[in-house]
N, C-alpha and C. Protein backbone atom coordinates (compact mmCIF):
# COMPACT_ATOMS: atom_id res chain seq x y z
N VAL A 1 -6.21 4.85 5.88
CA VAL A 1 -7.09 5.80 6.58
C VAL A 1 -8.17 4.93 7.29
N ASN A 2 -8.34 5.20 8.55
CA ASN A 2 -9.31 4.60 9.39
C ASN A 2 -10.36 5.70 9.76
N PRO A 3 -11.51 5.78 9.04
CA PRO A 3 -12.46 6.91 9.41
C PRO A 3 -13.12 6.69 10.75
N LEU A 4 -13.21 5.54 11.22
CA LEU A 4 -13.85 5.32 12.54
C LEU A 4 -12.99 5.81 13.67
N LYS A 5 -11.75 5.56 13.56
CA LYS A 5 -10.82 6.10 14.63
C LYS A 5 -10.24 7.46 14.24
N ARG A 6 -10.55 7.88 13.05
CA ARG A 6 -10.01 9.22 12.52
C ARG A 6 -8.50 9.27 12.58
N THR A 7 -7.90 8.26 12.07
CA THR A 7 -6.41 8.18 12.03
C THR A 7 -5.96 7.81 10.64
N VAL A 8 -4.71 8.15 10.32
CA VAL A 8 -4.01 7.85 9.10
C VAL A 8 -2.73 7.13 9.48
N LYS A 9 -2.42 5.97 8.76
CA LYS A 9 -1.31 5.30 9.01
C LYS A 9 -0.35 5.41 7.80
N ALA A 10 0.89 5.74 8.03
CA ALA A 10 1.87 5.85 6.92
C ALA A 10 2.39 4.43 6.58
N LEU A 11 2.21 4.12 5.32
CA LEU A 11 2.66 2.84 4.85
C LEU A 11 3.96 2.86 4.02
N LYS A 12 4.31 4.01 3.47
CA LYS A 12 5.44 4.26 2.64
C LYS A 12 6.02 5.56 2.89
N TYR A 13 7.30 5.71 2.78
CA TYR A 13 8.03 6.93 3.14
C TYR A 13 8.79 7.35 1.93
N HIS A 14 8.70 8.61 1.55
CA HIS A 14 9.66 9.19 0.45
C HIS A 14 10.21 10.44 1.06
N SER A 15 11.55 10.51 0.94
CA SER A 15 12.25 11.65 1.47
C SER A 15 12.43 12.76 0.32
N LEU A 16 11.75 13.77 0.50
CA LEU A 16 11.80 14.92 -0.54
C LEU A 16 11.86 16.22 0.22
N GLY A 17 12.71 17.18 -0.32
CA GLY A 17 12.66 18.49 0.16
C GLY A 17 11.54 19.28 -0.54
N VAL A 18 10.47 19.59 0.11
CA VAL A 18 9.32 20.15 -0.58
C VAL A 18 9.22 21.66 -0.26
N ASN A 19 9.04 22.40 -1.36
CA ASN A 19 8.82 23.85 -1.22
C ASN A 19 7.35 24.16 -1.02
N TRP A 20 6.52 23.52 -1.79
CA TRP A 20 4.99 23.65 -1.67
C TRP A 20 4.32 22.47 -2.29
N TYR A 21 3.09 22.22 -2.00
CA TYR A 21 2.32 21.14 -2.57
C TYR A 21 0.92 21.49 -2.64
N VAL A 22 0.19 20.83 -3.54
CA VAL A 22 -1.26 20.91 -3.70
C VAL A 22 -1.80 19.48 -3.78
N TYR A 23 -2.92 19.24 -3.05
CA TYR A 23 -3.52 17.94 -3.03
C TYR A 23 -4.91 18.06 -3.69
N CYS A 24 -5.27 17.12 -4.58
CA CYS A 24 -6.53 17.11 -5.25
C CYS A 24 -7.26 15.81 -4.76
N PRO A 25 -8.24 15.95 -3.87
CA PRO A 25 -8.95 14.76 -3.30
C PRO A 25 -9.81 14.03 -4.33
N GLN A 26 -10.20 14.62 -5.40
CA GLN A 26 -11.03 13.93 -6.40
C GLN A 26 -10.26 12.87 -7.12
N SER A 27 -8.93 13.20 -7.44
CA SER A 27 -8.12 12.28 -8.18
C SER A 27 -7.03 11.67 -7.33
N ASN A 28 -6.98 12.01 -6.01
CA ASN A 28 -5.92 11.51 -5.11
C ASN A 28 -4.53 11.79 -5.60
N ILE A 29 -4.28 13.00 -6.19
CA ILE A 29 -3.01 13.36 -6.71
C ILE A 29 -2.42 14.47 -5.88
N ILE A 30 -1.10 14.32 -5.63
CA ILE A 30 -0.31 15.39 -4.93
C ILE A 30 0.69 15.91 -5.93
N LEU A 31 0.63 17.20 -6.16
CA LEU A 31 1.59 17.90 -7.02
C LEU A 31 2.48 18.70 -6.08
N LEU A 32 3.78 18.50 -6.17
CA LEU A 32 4.71 19.21 -5.27
C LEU A 32 5.89 19.81 -6.05
N SER A 33 6.44 20.84 -5.42
CA SER A 33 7.60 21.52 -5.95
C SER A 33 8.80 21.13 -5.04
N SER A 34 9.90 20.71 -5.72
CA SER A 34 11.07 20.30 -4.95
C SER A 34 12.35 20.88 -5.63
N GLY A 35 13.50 20.68 -5.04
CA GLY A 35 14.72 21.23 -5.59
C GLY A 35 15.11 22.53 -4.87
N THR A 36 16.34 22.89 -5.02
CA THR A 36 16.83 24.02 -4.25
C THR A 36 16.22 25.35 -4.74
N ILE A 37 15.86 25.45 -5.99
CA ILE A 37 15.25 26.72 -6.43
C ILE A 37 13.75 26.48 -6.79
N GLY A 38 13.21 25.31 -6.45
CA GLY A 38 11.82 24.97 -6.73
C GLY A 38 11.43 24.78 -8.13
N ASN A 39 12.44 24.33 -8.93
CA ASN A 39 12.10 24.14 -10.33
C ASN A 39 11.75 22.74 -10.81
N GLN A 40 11.69 21.82 -9.84
CA GLN A 40 11.35 20.40 -10.12
C GLN A 40 9.98 20.15 -9.65
N MET A 41 9.17 19.55 -10.43
CA MET A 41 7.79 19.14 -10.08
C MET A 41 7.66 17.66 -9.99
N GLN A 42 7.02 17.20 -8.94
CA GLN A 42 6.88 15.74 -8.69
C GLN A 42 5.40 15.50 -8.47
N VAL A 43 4.86 14.43 -9.05
CA VAL A 43 3.45 14.03 -9.01
C VAL A 43 3.41 12.72 -8.23
N LEU A 44 2.54 12.63 -7.07
CA LEU A 44 2.36 11.42 -6.43
C LEU A 44 0.88 11.02 -6.45
N HIS A 45 0.66 9.81 -6.75
CA HIS A 45 -0.75 9.25 -6.76
C HIS A 45 -0.97 8.39 -5.59
N VAL A 46 -1.93 8.82 -4.74
CA VAL A 46 -2.23 8.15 -3.45
C VAL A 46 -3.41 7.19 -3.65
N THR A 47 -3.20 5.91 -3.35
CA THR A 47 -4.30 4.95 -3.40
C THR A 47 -4.24 4.18 -1.99
N PRO A 48 -5.27 3.58 -1.66
CA PRO A 48 -5.31 2.80 -0.44
C PRO A 48 -4.11 1.80 -0.35
N GLY A 49 -3.28 2.01 0.49
CA GLY A 49 -2.08 1.14 0.68
C GLY A 49 -0.87 1.39 -0.21
N ASN A 50 -0.95 2.40 -1.10
CA ASN A 50 0.15 2.77 -1.98
C ASN A 50 0.33 4.23 -2.17
N LEU A 51 1.57 4.59 -2.41
CA LEU A 51 1.96 5.91 -2.77
C LEU A 51 2.92 5.77 -3.94
N ASN A 52 2.37 6.11 -5.12
CA ASN A 52 3.12 5.93 -6.34
C ASN A 52 3.68 7.26 -6.91
N ARG A 53 4.94 7.22 -7.25
CA ARG A 53 5.59 8.38 -7.88
C ARG A 53 5.36 8.36 -9.35
N ILE A 54 4.98 9.51 -9.91
CA ILE A 54 4.86 9.66 -11.36
C ILE A 54 6.03 10.48 -11.80
N THR A 55 6.39 10.42 -13.03
CA THR A 55 7.63 11.01 -13.56
C THR A 55 7.81 12.47 -13.09
N LYS A 56 9.03 12.72 -12.66
CA LYS A 56 9.49 14.08 -12.21
C LYS A 56 9.85 14.91 -13.43
N PHE A 57 9.49 16.16 -13.43
CA PHE A 57 9.84 16.98 -14.54
C PHE A 57 10.33 18.36 -14.10
N GLU A 58 11.05 19.10 -14.88
CA GLU A 58 11.50 20.44 -14.57
C GLU A 58 10.79 21.46 -15.42
């Protein structure tokens, strides 16, 4: 994130079919629903320069 230029640069790419997601800016966590019927939950932790997957659960 470059606040002076007001831009965001993608450093990592994850291919997921996402039904919905919620982002919490205080903890930099993304909770998302994936799967054909939306029964899988995935948590991503966003830090400067990294996008970390946390264990997926159903």
